[in-house]
Amino acid sequence: MYSLNYRKNPLPDTIFGGRFLMHIWPRPLMWAFEWHDTSKDLILKRGETLFYCQFDSYDPLRTIKLLQAEKTPELMHYMDQISGVVNYVNQTFSLFNEVEKVRPKNLLANKK
């Protein structure tokens, strides 16, 4: 994954990307990078863009709308059910059809 921000002196790192279907596989978002040239300083400045998020859907014309939401008991229970599987399965995309069958109809509520 490459930064969309041009840098005169590129960071001595590699950023690792990932993707998943948010409506089937909710999880905390994390990012990682590898400092591959430790002979160079890694300088991060406040306010500097470190990564970007891209939202995909089955229909590329569909509008994405971000809302601040409450963590409902249904969401937390569902996340508990699916969270440990990454320790045992490499390709979690292969599980999406099965996981979608047990997903509650409503996971979120608008934050009040």
PDB file of N, CA and C in Angstrom:
ATOM      1  N   MET A   1       0.853  -1.159   0.000  1.00  0.00           N
ATOM      2  CA  MET A   1       0.000   0.000   0.000  1.00  0.00           C
ATOM      3  C   MET A   1       0.902   1.226   0.000  1.00  0.00           C
ATOM      4  N   TYR A   2       0.587   2.186  -0.833  1.00  0.00           N
ATOM      5  CA  TYR A   2       1.404   3.376  -0.954  1.00  0.00           C
ATOM      6  C   TYR A   2       0.654   4.576  -0.404  1.00  0.00           C
ATOM      7  N   SER A   3       1.394   5.506   0.163  1.00  0.00           N
ATOM      8  CA  SER A   3       0.792   6.726   0.677  1.00  0.00           C
ATOM      9  C   SER A   3       0.373   7.606  -0.491  1.00  0.00           C
ATOM     10  N   LEU A   4      -0.770   8.261  -0.369  1.00  0.00           N
ATOM     11  CA  LEU A   4      -1.206   9.201  -1.392  1.00  0.00           C
ATOM     12  C   LEU A   4      -0.566  10.563  -1.194  1.00  0.00           C
ATOM     13  N   ASN A   5       0.137  10.731  -0.093  1.00  0.00           N
ATOM     14  CA  ASN A   5       0.831  11.987   0.177  1.00  0.00           C
ATOM     15  C   ASN A   5       2.257  11.890  -0.328  1.00  0.00           C
ATOM     16  N   TYR A   6       2.653  12.866  -1.138  1.00  0.00           N
ATOM     17  CA  TYR A   6       4.032  12.895  -1.622  1.00  0.00           C
ATOM     18  C   TYR A   6       4.934  13.369  -0.497  1.00  0.00           C
ATOM     19  N   ARG A   7       6.068  12.733  -0.349  1.00  0.00           N
ATOM     20  CA  ARG A   7       7.072  13.140   0.627  1.00  0.00           C
ATOM     21  C   ARG A   7       8.400  13.320  -0.086  1.00  0.00           C
ATOM     22  N   LYS A   8       9.052  14.429   0.182  1.00  0.00           N
ATOM     23  CA  LYS A   8      10.382  14.654  -0.391  1.00  0.00           C
ATOM     24  C   LYS A   8      11.327  13.539   0.059  1.00  0.00           C
ATOM     25  N   ASN A   9      11.256  13.194   1.345  1.00  0.00           N
ATOM     26  CA  ASN A   9      12.036  12.089   1.899  1.00  0.00           C
ATOM     27  C   ASN A   9      11.058  11.023   2.384  1.00  0.00           C
ATOM     28  N   PRO A  10      10.861   9.967   1.613  1.00  0.00           N
ATOM     29  CA  PRO A  10       9.881   8.939   1.995  1.00  0.00           C
ATOM     30  C   PRO A  10      10.213   8.303   3.342  1.00  0.00           C
ATOM     31  N   LEU A  11       9.170   7.880   4.053  1.00  0.00           N
ATOM     32  CA  LEU A  11       9.377   7.171   5.311  1.00  0.00           C
ATOM     33  C   LEU A  11      10.051   5.829   5.032  1.00  0.00           C
ATOM     34  N   PRO A  12      10.918   5.377   5.932  1.00  0.00           N
ATOM     35  CA  PRO A  12      11.599   4.088   5.739  1.00  0.00           C
ATOM     36  C   PRO A  12      10.729   2.929   6.225  1.00  0.00           C
ATOM     37  N   ASP A  13       9.507   2.844   5.682  1.00  0.00           N
ATOM     38  CA  ASP A  13       8.576   1.851   6.206  1.00  0.00           C
ATOM     39  C   ASP A  13       7.720   1.253   5.104  1.00  0.00           C
ATOM     40  N   THR A  14       6.959   0.257   5.484  1.00  0.00           N
ATOM     41  CA  THR A  14       5.945  -0.350   4.638  1.00  0.00           C
ATOM     42  C   THR A  14       4.660  -0.381   5.450  1.00  0.00           C
ATOM     43  N   ILE A  15       3.555   0.062   4.849  1.00  0.00           N
ATOM     44  CA  ILE A  15       2.260   0.012   5.525  1.00  0.00           C
ATOM     45  C   ILE A  15       1.504  -1.196   4.992  1.00  0.00           C
ATOM     46  N   PHE A  16       0.892  -1.954   5.893  1.00  0.00           N
ATOM     47  CA  PHE A  16       0.158  -3.155   5.509  1.00  0.00           C
ATOM     48  C   PHE A  16      -1.329  -2.857   5.461  1.00  0.00           C
ATOM     49  N   GLY A  17      -1.934  -3.142   4.350  1.00  0.00           N
ATOM     50  CA  GLY A  17      -3.360  -2.921   4.191  1.00  0.00           C
ATOM     51  C   GLY A  17      -4.148  -4.187   4.440  1.00  0.00           C
ATOM     52  N   GLY A  18      -5.427  -4.036   4.495  1.00  0.00           N
ATOM     53  CA  GLY A  18      -6.309  -5.179   4.663  1.00  0.00           C
ATOM     54  C   GLY A  18      -7.699  -4.784   4.224  1.00  0.00           C
ATOM     55  N   ARG A  19      -8.554  -5.781   4.027  1.00  0.00           N
ATOM     56  CA  ARG A  19      -9.931  -5.466   3.651  1.00  0.00           C
ATOM     57  C   ARG A  19     -10.864  -6.547   4.178  1.00  0.00           C
ATOM     58  N   PHE A  20     -12.085  -6.144   4.392  1.00  0.00           N
ATOM     59  CA  PHE A  20     -13.116  -7.065   4.863  1.00  0.00           C
ATOM     60  C   PHE A  20     -14.466  -6.405   4.639  1.00  0.00           C
ATOM     61  N   LEU A  21     -15.518  -7.193   4.659  1.00  0.00           N
ATOM     62  CA  LEU A  21     -16.868  -6.670   4.502  1.00  0.00           C
ATOM     63  C   LEU A  21     -17.373  -6.208   5.866  1.00  0.00           C
ATOM     64  N   MET A  22     -17.546  -4.906   6.028  1.00  0.00           N
ATOM     65  CA  MET A  22     -17.904  -4.343   7.333  1.00  0.00           C
ATOM     66  C   MET A  22     -19.239  -4.843   7.854  1.00  0.00           C
ATOM     67  N   HIS A  23     -20.206  -5.051   6.975  1.00  0.00           N
ATOM     68  CA  HIS A  23     -21.543  -5.445   7.447  1.00  0.00           C
ATOM     69  C   HIS A  23     -21.580  -6.898   7.907  1.00  0.00           C
ATOM     70  N   ILE A  24     -20.590  -7.695   7.514  1.00  0.00           N
ATOM     71  CA  ILE A  24     -20.531  -9.096   7.929  1.00  0.00           C
ATOM     72  C   ILE A  24     -19.461  -9.317   8.990  1.00  0.00           C
ATOM     73  N   TRP A  25     -18.377  -8.566   8.909  1.00  0.00           N
ATOM     74  CA  TRP A  25     -17.212  -8.836   9.754  1.00  0.00           C
ATOM     75  C   TRP A  25     -16.822  -7.575  10.532  1.00  0.00           C
ATOM     76  N   PRO A  26     -17.670  -7.076  11.448  1.00  0.00           N
ATOM     77  CA  PRO A  26     -17.302  -5.873  12.201  1.00  0.00           C
ATOM     78  C   PRO A  26     -16.134  -6.169  13.131  1.00  0.00           C
ATOM     79  N   ARG A  27     -15.213  -5.239  13.212  1.00  0.00           N
ATOM     80  CA  ARG A  27     -14.070  -5.418  14.107  1.00  0.00           C
ATOM     81  C   ARG A  27     -13.388  -4.083  14.286  1.00  0.00           C
ATOM     82  N   PRO A  28     -12.608  -3.945  15.338  1.00  0.00           N
ATOM     83  CA  PRO A  28     -11.838  -2.707  15.497  1.00  0.00           C
ATOM     84  C   PRO A  28     -10.843  -2.578  14.346  1.00  0.00           C
ATOM     85  N   LEU A  29     -10.692  -1.363  13.845  1.00  0.00           N
ATOM     86  CA  LEU A  29      -9.720  -1.134  12.777  1.00  0.00           C
ATOM     87  C   LEU A  29      -8.343  -0.916  13.377  1.00  0.00           C
ATOM     88  N   MET A  30      -7.381  -1.603  12.816  1.00  0.00           N
ATOM     89  CA  MET A  30      -5.997  -1.459  13.254  1.00  0.00           C
ATOM     90  C   MET A  30      -5.139  -1.309  12.006  1.00  0.00           C
ATOM     91  N   TRP A  31      -4.039  -0.678  12.138  1.00  0.00           N
ATOM     92  CA  TRP A  31      -3.117  -0.602  11.019  1.00  0.00           C
ATOM     93  C   TRP A  31      -1.729  -0.926  11.532  1.00  0.00           C
ATOM     94  N   ALA A  32      -0.879  -1.301  10.617  1.00  0.00           N
ATOM     95  CA  ALA A  32       0.481  -1.672  11.013  1.00  0.00           C
ATOM     96  C   ALA A  32       1.454  -1.201   9.951  1.00  0.00           C
ATOM     97  N   PHE A  33       2.649  -0.935  10.382  1.00  0.00           N
ATOM     98  CA  PHE A  33       3.706  -0.650   9.418  1.00  0.00           C
ATOM     99  C   PHE A  33       4.990  -1.299   9.896  1.00  0.00           C
ATOM    100  N   GLU A  34       5.867  -1.526   8.966  1.00  0.00           N
ATOM    101  CA  GLU A  34       7.150  -2.155   9.264  1.00  0.00           C
ATOM    102  C   GLU A  34       8.249  -1.142   8.985  1.00  0.00           C
ATOM    103  N   TRP A  35       9.046  -0.845   9.972  1.00  0.00           N
ATOM    104  CA  TRP A  35      10.173   0.072   9.832  1.00  0.00           C
ATOM    105  C   TRP A  35      11.306  -0.748   9.243  1.00  0.00           C
ATOM    106  N   HIS A  36      11.395  -0.767   7.915  1.00  0.00           N
ATOM    107  CA  HIS A  36      12.313  -1.686   7.240  1.00  0.00           C
ATOM    108  C   HIS A  36      13.741  -1.178   7.136  1.00  0.00           C
ATOM    109  N   ASP A  37      13.960   0.100   7.335  1.00  0.00           N
ATOM    110  CA  ASP A  37      15.332   0.622   7.286  1.00  0.00           C
ATOM    111  C   ASP A  37      15.604   1.380   8.582  1.00  0.00           C
ATOM    112  N   THR A  38      16.021   0.658   9.601  1.00  0.00           N
ATOM    113  CA  THR A  38      16.222   1.267  10.922  1.00  0.00           C
ATOM    114  C   THR A  38      17.470   2.137  10.981  1.00  0.00           C
ATOM    115  N   SER A  39      18.236   2.181   9.903  1.00  0.00           N
ATOM    116  CA  SER A  39      19.378   3.101   9.878  1.00  0.00           C
ATOM    117  C   SER A  39      18.902   4.531   9.617  1.00  0.00           C
ATOM    118  N   LYS A  40      17.640   4.680   9.162  1.00  0.00           N
ATOM    119  CA  LYS A  40      17.061   6.003   8.920  1.00  0.00           C
ATOM    120  C   LYS A  40      16.071   6.323  10.032  1.00  0.00           C
ATOM    121  N   ASP A  41      16.000   7.600  10.387  1.00  0.00           N
ATOM    122  CA  ASP A  41      15.032   8.033  11.394  1.00  0.00           C
ATOM    123  C   ASP A  41      13.613   7.882  10.855  1.00  0.00           C
ATOM    124  N   LEU A  42      12.712   7.519  11.728  1.00  0.00           N
ATOM    125  CA  LEU A  42      11.290   7.462  11.404  1.00  0.00           C
ATOM    126  C   LEU A  42      10.647   8.629  12.138  1.00  0.00           C
ATOM    127  N   ILE A  43      10.332   9.679  11.408  1.00  0.00           N
ATOM    128  CA  ILE A  43       9.809  10.901  12.014  1.00  0.00           C
ATOM    129  C   ILE A  43       8.344  11.056  11.625  1.00  0.00           C
ATOM    130  N   LEU A  44       7.481  11.038  12.630  1.00  0.00           N
ATOM    131  CA  LEU A  44       6.048  11.220  12.434  1.00  0.00           C
ATOM    132  C   LEU A  44       5.652  12.540  13.064  1.00  0.00           C
ATOM    133  N   LYS A  45       4.940  13.365  12.301  1.00  0.00           N
ATOM    134  CA  LYS A  45       4.545  14.686  12.794  1.00  0.00           C
ATOM    135  C   LYS A  45       3.049  14.718  13.085  1.00  0.00           C
ATOM    136  N   ARG A  46       2.697  15.433  14.147  1.00  0.00           N
ATOM    137  CA  ARG A  46       1.289  15.571  14.529  1.00  0.00           C
ATOM    138  C   ARG A  46       0.479  16.118  13.349  1.00  0.00           C
ATOM    139  N   GLY A  47      -0.669  15.514  13.100  1.00  0.00           N
ATOM    140  CA  GLY A  47      -1.554  15.966  12.035  1.00  0.00           C
ATOM    141  C   GLY A  47      -1.225  15.391  10.668  1.00  0.00           C
ATOM    142  N   GLU A  48      -0.138  14.658  10.574  1.00  0.00           N
ATOM    143  CA  GLU A  48       0.282  14.084   9.299  1.00  0.00           C
ATOM    144  C   GLU A  48      -0.560  12.841   8.983  1.00  0.00           C
ATOM    145  N   THR A  49      -0.954  12.687   7.732  1.00  0.00           N
ATOM    146  CA  THR A  49      -1.731  11.526   7.320  1.00  0.00           C
ATOM    147  C   THR A  49      -0.855  10.289   7.349  1.00  0.00           C
ATOM    148  N   LEU A  50      -1.309   9.256   8.053  1.00  0.00           N
ATOM    149  CA  LEU A  50      -0.553   8.007   8.125  1.00  0.00           C
ATOM    150  C   LEU A  50      -1.182   6.910   7.274  1.00  0.00           C
ATOM    151  N   PHE A  51      -2.503   6.954   7.099  1.00  0.00           N
ATOM    152  CA  PHE A  51      -3.169   5.932   6.294  1.00  0.00           C
ATOM    153  C   PHE A  51      -4.519   6.459   5.827  1.00  0.00           C
ATOM    154  N   TYR A  52      -5.092   5.766   4.875  1.00  0.00           N
ATOM    155  CA  TYR A  52      -6.397   6.093   4.330  1.00  0.00           C
ATOM    156  C   TYR A  52      -7.317   4.890   4.493  1.00  0.00           C
ATOM    157  N   CYS A  53      -8.606   5.158   4.568  1.00  0.00           N
ATOM    158  CA  CYS A  53      -9.603   4.086   4.575  1.00  0.00           C
ATOM    159  C   CYS A  53     -10.369   4.159   3.259  1.00  0.00           C
ATOM    160  N   GLN A  54     -10.654   3.012   2.709  1.00  0.00           N
ATOM    161  CA  GLN A  54     -11.457   2.928   1.495  1.00  0.00           C
ATOM    162  C   GLN A  54     -12.620   1.998   1.789  1.00  0.00           C
ATOM    163  N   PHE A  55     -13.816   2.401   1.399  1.00  0.00           N
ATOM    164  CA  PHE A  55     -15.001   1.600   1.657  1.00  0.00           C
ATOM    165  C   PHE A  55     -15.489   0.977   0.356  1.00  0.00           C
ATOM    166  N   ASP A  56     -15.654  -0.334   0.364  1.00  0.00           N
ATOM    167  CA  ASP A  56     -16.159  -1.076  -0.789  1.00  0.00           C
ATOM    168  C   ASP A  56     -17.542  -1.609  -0.466  1.00  0.00           C
ATOM    169  N   SER A  57     -18.317  -1.848  -1.495  1.00  0.00           N
ATOM    170  CA  SER A  57     -19.589  -2.550  -1.319  1.00  0.00           C
ATOM    171  C   SER A  57     -19.821  -3.399  -2.562  1.00  0.00           C
ATOM    172  N   TYR A  58     -20.835  -4.248  -2.500  1.00  0.00           N
ATOM    173  CA  TYR A  58     -21.146  -5.075  -3.660  1.00  0.00           C
ATOM    174  C   TYR A  58     -21.505  -4.208  -4.865  1.00  0.00           C
ATOM    175  N   ASP A  59     -22.121  -3.064  -4.605  1.00  0.00           N
ATOM    176  CA  ASP A  59     -22.510  -2.136  -5.668  1.00  0.00           C
ATOM    177  C   ASP A  59     -21.613  -0.904  -5.588  1.00  0.00           C
ATOM    178  N   PRO A  60     -20.695  -0.719  -6.550  1.00  0.00           N
ATOM    179  CA  PRO A  60     -19.773   0.417  -6.473  1.00  0.00           C
ATOM    180  C   PRO A  60     -20.458   1.778  -6.582  1.00  0.00           C
ATOM    181  N   LEU A  61     -21.709   1.820  -7.026  1.00  0.00           N
ATOM    182  CA  LEU A  61     -22.436   3.085  -7.123  1.00  0.00           C
ATOM    183  C   LEU A  61     -23.144   3.447  -5.816  1.00  0.00           C
ATOM    184  N   ARG A  62     -23.153   2.516  -4.873  1.00  0.00           N
ATOM    185  CA  ARG A  62     -23.839   2.747  -3.600  1.00  0.00           C
ATOM    186  C   ARG A  62     -23.101   3.814  -2.789  1.00  0.00           C
ATOM    187  N   THR A  63     -23.852   4.720  -2.202  1.00  0.00           N
ATOM    188  CA  THR A  63     -23.284   5.771  -1.369  1.00  0.00           C
ATOM    189  C   THR A  63     -22.954   5.207   0.009  1.00  0.00           C
ATOM    190  N   ILE A  64     -21.813   5.584   0.533  1.00  0.00           N
ATOM    191  CA  ILE A  64     -21.406   5.181   1.879  1.00  0.00           C
ATOM    192  C   ILE A  64     -21.677   6.352   2.814  1.00  0.00           C
ATOM    193  N   LYS A  65     -22.331   6.088   3.930  1.00  0.00           N
ATOM    194  CA  LYS A  65     -22.638   7.132   4.906  1.00  0.00           C
ATOM    195  C   LYS A  65     -22.082   6.702   6.252  1.00  0.00           C
ATOM    196  N   LEU A  66     -21.235   7.530   6.848  1.00  0.00           N
ATOM    197  CA  LEU A  66     -20.661   7.224   8.159  1.00  0.00           C
ATOM    198  C   LEU A  66     -21.497   7.870   9.250  1.00  0.00           C
ATOM    199  N   LEU A  67     -21.814   7.090  10.270  1.00  0.00           N
ATOM    200  CA  LEU A  67     -22.574   7.574  11.414  1.00  0.00           C
ATOM    201  C   LEU A  67     -21.846   7.183  12.689  1.00  0.00           C
ATOM    202  N   GLN A  68     -21.985   7.999  13.708  1.00  0.00           N
ATOM    203  CA  GLN A  68     -21.471   7.599  15.015  1.00  0.00           C
ATOM    204  C   GLN A  68     -22.543   6.722  15.652  1.00  0.00           C
ATOM    205  N   ALA A  69     -22.136   5.537  16.094  1.00  0.00           N
ATOM    206  CA  ALA A  69     -23.113   4.562  16.581  1.00  0.00           C
ATOM    207  C   ALA A  69     -22.749   4.058  17.968  1.00  0.00           C
ATOM    208  N   GLU A  70     -23.763   3.566  18.656  1.00  0.00           N
ATOM    209  CA  GLU A  70     -23.586   2.928  19.961  1.00  0.00           C
ATOM    210  C   GLU A  70     -23.119   1.491  19.758  1.00  0.00           C
ATOM    211  N   LYS A  71     -22.318   0.998  20.685  1.00  0.00           N
ATOM    212  CA  LYS A  71     -21.981  -0.424  20.685  1.00  0.00           C
ATOM    213  C   LYS A  71     -23.116  -1.139  21.415  1.00  0.00           C
ATOM    214  N   THR A  72     -23.938  -1.825  20.662  1.00  0.00           N
ATOM    215  CA  THR A  72     -25.086  -2.519  21.246  1.00  0.00           C
ATOM    216  C   THR A  72     -24.657  -3.873  21.807  1.00  0.00           C
ATOM    217  N   PRO A  73     -25.447  -4.444  22.712  1.00  0.00           N
ATOM    218  CA  PRO A  73     -25.149  -5.796  23.199  1.00  0.00           C
ATOM    219  C   PRO A  73     -25.108  -6.816  22.055  1.00  0.00           C
ATOM    220  N   GLU A  74     -25.972  -6.633  21.040  1.00  0.00           N
ATOM    221  CA  GLU A  74     -25.982  -7.539  19.886  1.00  0.00           C
ATOM    222  C   GLU A  74     -24.654  -7.478  19.133  1.00  0.00           C
ATOM    223  N   LEU A  75     -24.133  -6.268  18.952  1.00  0.00           N
ATOM    224  CA  LEU A  75     -22.844  -6.102  18.268  1.00  0.00           C
ATOM    225  C   LEU A  75     -21.723  -6.754  19.060  1.00  0.00           C
ATOM    226  N   MET A  76     -21.682  -6.498  20.352  1.00  0.00           N
ATOM    227  CA  MET A  76     -20.596  -7.034  21.176  1.00  0.00           C
ATOM    228  C   MET A  76     -20.635  -8.567  21.207  1.00  0.00           C
ATOM    229  N   HIS A  77     -21.830  -9.143  21.299  1.00  0.00           N
ATOM    230  CA  HIS A  77     -21.960 -10.604  21.300  1.00  0.00           C
ATOM    231  C   HIS A  77     -21.508 -11.185  19.956  1.00  0.00           C
ATOM    232  N   TYR A  78     -21.944 -10.566  18.873  1.00  0.00           N
ATOM    233  CA  TYR A  78     -21.574 -11.026  17.530  1.00  0.00           C
ATOM    234  C   TYR A  78     -20.059 -10.934  17.325  1.00  0.00           C
ATOM    235  N   MET A  79     -19.449  -9.837  17.762  1.00  0.00           N
ATOM    236  CA  MET A  79     -17.994  -9.687  17.626  1.00  0.00           C
ATOM    237  C   MET A  79     -17.260 -10.733  18.459  1.00  0.00           C
ATOM    238  N   ASP A  80     -17.781 -11.048  19.647  1.00  0.00           N
ATOM    239  CA  ASP A  80     -17.179 -12.114  20.466  1.00  0.00           C
ATOM    240  C   ASP A  80     -17.223 -13.455  19.738  1.00  0.00           C
ATOM    241  N   GLN A  81     -18.327 -13.707  19.032  1.00  0.00           N
ATOM    242  CA  GLN A  81     -18.472 -14.973  18.310  1.00  0.00           C
ATOM    243  C   GLN A  81     -17.441 -15.127  17.197  1.00  0.00           C
ATOM    244  N   ILE A  82     -17.123 -14.035  16.494  1.00  0.00           N
ATOM    245  CA  ILE A  82     -16.259 -14.145  15.314  1.00  0.00           C
ATOM    246  C   ILE A  82     -14.813 -13.740  15.560  1.00  0.00           C
ATOM    247  N   SER A  83     -14.503 -13.127  16.692  1.00  0.00           N
ATOM    248  CA  SER A  83     -13.174 -12.534  16.887  1.00  0.00           C
ATOM    249  C   SER A  83     -12.041 -13.547  16.956  1.00  0.00           C
ATOM    250  N   GLY A  84     -12.244 -14.687  17.557  1.00  0.00           N
ATOM    251  CA  GLY A  84     -11.151 -15.635  17.737  1.00  0.00           C
ATOM    252  C   GLY A  84     -10.803 -16.453  16.516  1.00  0.00           C
ATOM    253  N   VAL A  85     -11.660 -16.417  15.504  1.00  0.00           N
ATOM    254  CA  VAL A  85     -11.457 -17.286  14.349  1.00  0.00           C
ATOM    255  C   VAL A  85     -10.179 -16.947  13.581  1.00  0.00           C
ATOM    256  N   VAL A  86      -9.736 -15.699  13.638  1.00  0.00           N
ATOM    257  CA  VAL A  86      -8.517 -15.321  12.903  1.00  0.00           C
ATOM    258  C   VAL A  86      -7.282 -16.032  13.446  1.00  0.00           C
ATOM    259  N   ASN A  87      -7.367 -16.562  14.657  1.00  0.00           N
ATOM    260  CA  ASN A  87      -6.244 -17.324  15.212  1.00  0.00           C
ATOM    261  C   ASN A  87      -6.145 -18.721  14.611  1.00  0.00           C
ATOM    262  N   TYR A  88      -7.216 -19.183  13.975  1.00  0.00           N
ATOM    263  CA  TYR A  88      -7.266 -20.557  13.477  1.00  0.00           C
ATOM    264  C   TYR A  88      -7.421 -20.670  11.962  1.00  0.00           C
ATOM    265  N   VAL A  89      -7.864 -19.588  11.316  1.00  0.00           N
ATOM    266  CA  VAL A  89      -8.136 -19.623   9.876  1.00  0.00           C
ATOM    267  C   VAL A  89      -7.375 -18.489   9.202  1.00  0.00           C
ATOM    268  N   ASN A  90      -6.656 -18.808   8.132  1.00  0.00           N
ATOM    269  CA  ASN A  90      -5.903 -17.790   7.401  1.00  0.00           C
ATOM    270  C   ASN A  90      -6.788 -16.900   6.542  1.00  0.00           C
ATOM    271  N   GLN A  91      -7.626 -17.489   5.744  1.00  0.00           N
ATOM    272  CA  GLN A  91      -8.442 -16.737   4.793  1.00  0.00           C
ATOM    273  C   GLN A  91      -9.857 -16.571   5.338  1.00  0.00           C
ATOM    274  N   THR A  92     -10.074 -15.521   6.133  1.00  0.00           N
ATOM    275  CA  THR A  92     -11.392 -15.338   6.743  1.00  0.00           C
ATOM    276  C   THR A  92     -12.469 -15.031   5.707  1.00  0.00           C
ATOM    277  N   PHE A  93     -12.087 -14.567   4.507  1.00  0.00           N
ATOM    278  CA  PHE A  93     -13.085 -14.319   3.463  1.00  0.00           C
ATOM    279  C   PHE A  93     -13.879 -15.584   3.172  1.00  0.00           C
ATOM    280  N   SER A  94     -13.260 -16.743   3.341  1.00  0.00           N
ATOM    281  CA  SER A  94     -13.948 -18.007   3.075  1.00  0.00           C
ATOM    282  C   SER A  94     -15.078 -18.264   4.071  1.00  0.00           C
ATOM    283  N   LEU A  95     -15.087 -17.550   5.183  1.00  0.00           N
ATOM    284  CA  LEU A  95     -16.109 -17.748   6.219  1.00  0.00           C
ATOM    285  C   LEU A  95     -17.291 -16.789   6.104  1.00  0.00           C
ATOM    286  N   PHE A  96     -17.210 -15.797   5.247  1.00  0.00           N
ATOM    287  CA  PHE A  96     -18.221 -14.746   5.216  1.00  0.00           C
ATOM    288  C   PHE A  96     -19.630 -15.278   4.985  1.00  0.00           C
ATOM    289  N   ASN A  97     -19.804 -16.242   4.102  1.00  0.00           N
ATOM    290  CA  ASN A  97     -21.153 -16.777   3.849  1.00  0.00           C
ATOM    291  C   ASN A  97     -21.735 -17.420   5.097  1.00  0.00           C
ATOM    292  N   GLU A  98     -20.919 -18.162   5.839  1.00  0.00           N
ATOM    293  CA  GLU A  98     -21.400 -18.822   7.060  1.00  0.00           C
ATOM    294  C   GLU A  98     -21.681 -17.806   8.163  1.00  0.00           C
ATOM    295  N   VAL A  99     -20.804 -16.843   8.314  1.00  0.00           N
ATOM    296  CA  VAL A  99     -20.960 -15.838   9.368  1.00  0.00           C
ATOM    297  C   VAL A  99     -22.196 -14.980   9.108  1.00  0.00           C
ATOM    298  N   GLU A 100     -22.457 -14.704   7.841  1.00  0.00           N
ATOM    299  CA  GLU A 100     -23.624 -13.881   7.504  1.00  0.00           C
ATOM    300  C   GLU A 100     -24.928 -14.554   7.942  1.00  0.00           C
ATOM    301  N   LYS A 101     -24.955 -15.869   7.992  1.00  0.00           N
ATOM    302  CA  LYS A 101     -26.158 -16.605   8.403  1.00  0.00           C
ATOM    303  C   LYS A 101     -26.498 -16.384   9.875  1.00  0.00           C
ATOM    304  N   VAL A 102     -25.502 -16.133  10.716  1.00  0.00           N
ATOM    305  CA  VAL A 102     -25.756 -15.955  12.152  1.00  0.00           C
ATOM    306  C   VAL A 102     -25.744 -14.484  12.574  1.00  0.00           C
ATOM    307  N   ARG A 103     -25.520 -13.586  11.620  1.00  0.00           N
ATOM    308  CA  ARG A 103     -25.474 -12.158  11.940  1.00  0.00           C
ATOM    309  C   ARG A 103     -26.869 -11.661  12.312  1.00  0.00           C
ATOM    310  N   PRO A 104     -27.003 -10.980  13.463  1.00  0.00           N
ATOM    311  CA  PRO A 104     -28.294 -10.383  13.817  1.00  0.00           C
ATOM    312  C   PRO A 104     -28.699  -9.330  12.779  1.00  0.00           C
ATOM    313  N   LYS A 105     -29.992  -9.140  12.591  1.00  0.00           N
ATOM    314  CA  LYS A 105     -30.479  -8.173  11.604  1.00  0.00           C
ATOM    315  C   LYS A 105     -29.983  -6.764  11.923  1.00  0.00           C
ATOM    316  N   ASN A 106     -30.044  -6.369  13.187  1.00  0.00           N
ATOM    317  CA  ASN A 106     -29.587  -5.036  13.589  1.00  0.00           C
ATOM    318  C   ASN A 106     -28.443  -5.163  14.584  1.00  0.00           C
ATOM    319  N   LEU A 107     -27.319  -4.537  14.259  1.00  0.00           N
ATOM    320  CA  LEU A 107     -26.162  -4.566  15.151  1.00  0.00           C
ATOM    321  C   LEU A 107     -25.904  -3.226  15.825  1.00  0.00           C
ATOM    322  N   LEU A 108     -26.303  -2.140  15.174  1.00  0.00           N
ATOM    323  CA  LEU A 108     -25.957  -0.806  15.666  1.00  0.00           C
ATOM    324  C   LEU A 108     -27.193   0.026  15.958  1.00  0.00           C
ATOM    325  N   ALA A 109     -26.997   1.037  16.789  1.00  0.00           N
ATOM    326  CA  ALA A 109     -28.018   2.049  17.040  1.00  0.00           C
ATOM    327  C   ALA A 109     -27.325   3.401  16.953  1.00  0.00           C
ATOM    328  N   ASN A 110     -28.001   4.393  16.360  1.00  0.00           N
ATOM    329  CA  ASN A 110     -27.410   5.732  16.287  1.00  0.00           C
ATOM    330  C   ASN A 110     -27.061   6.227  17.677  1.00  0.00           C
ATOM    331  N   LYS A 111     -25.902   6.858  17.801  1.00  0.00           N
ATOM    332  CA  LYS A 111     -25.473   7.389  19.095  1.00  0.00           C
ATOM    333  C   LYS A 111     -26.351   8.578  19.456  1.00  0.00           C
ATOM    334  N   LYS A 112     -26.776   8.600  20.720  1.00  0.00           N
ATOM    335  CA  LYS A 112     -27.665   9.686  21.181  1.00  0.00           C
ATOM    336  C   LYS A 112     -26.878  10.827  21.756  1.00  0.00           C
TER     337      LYS A 112
END
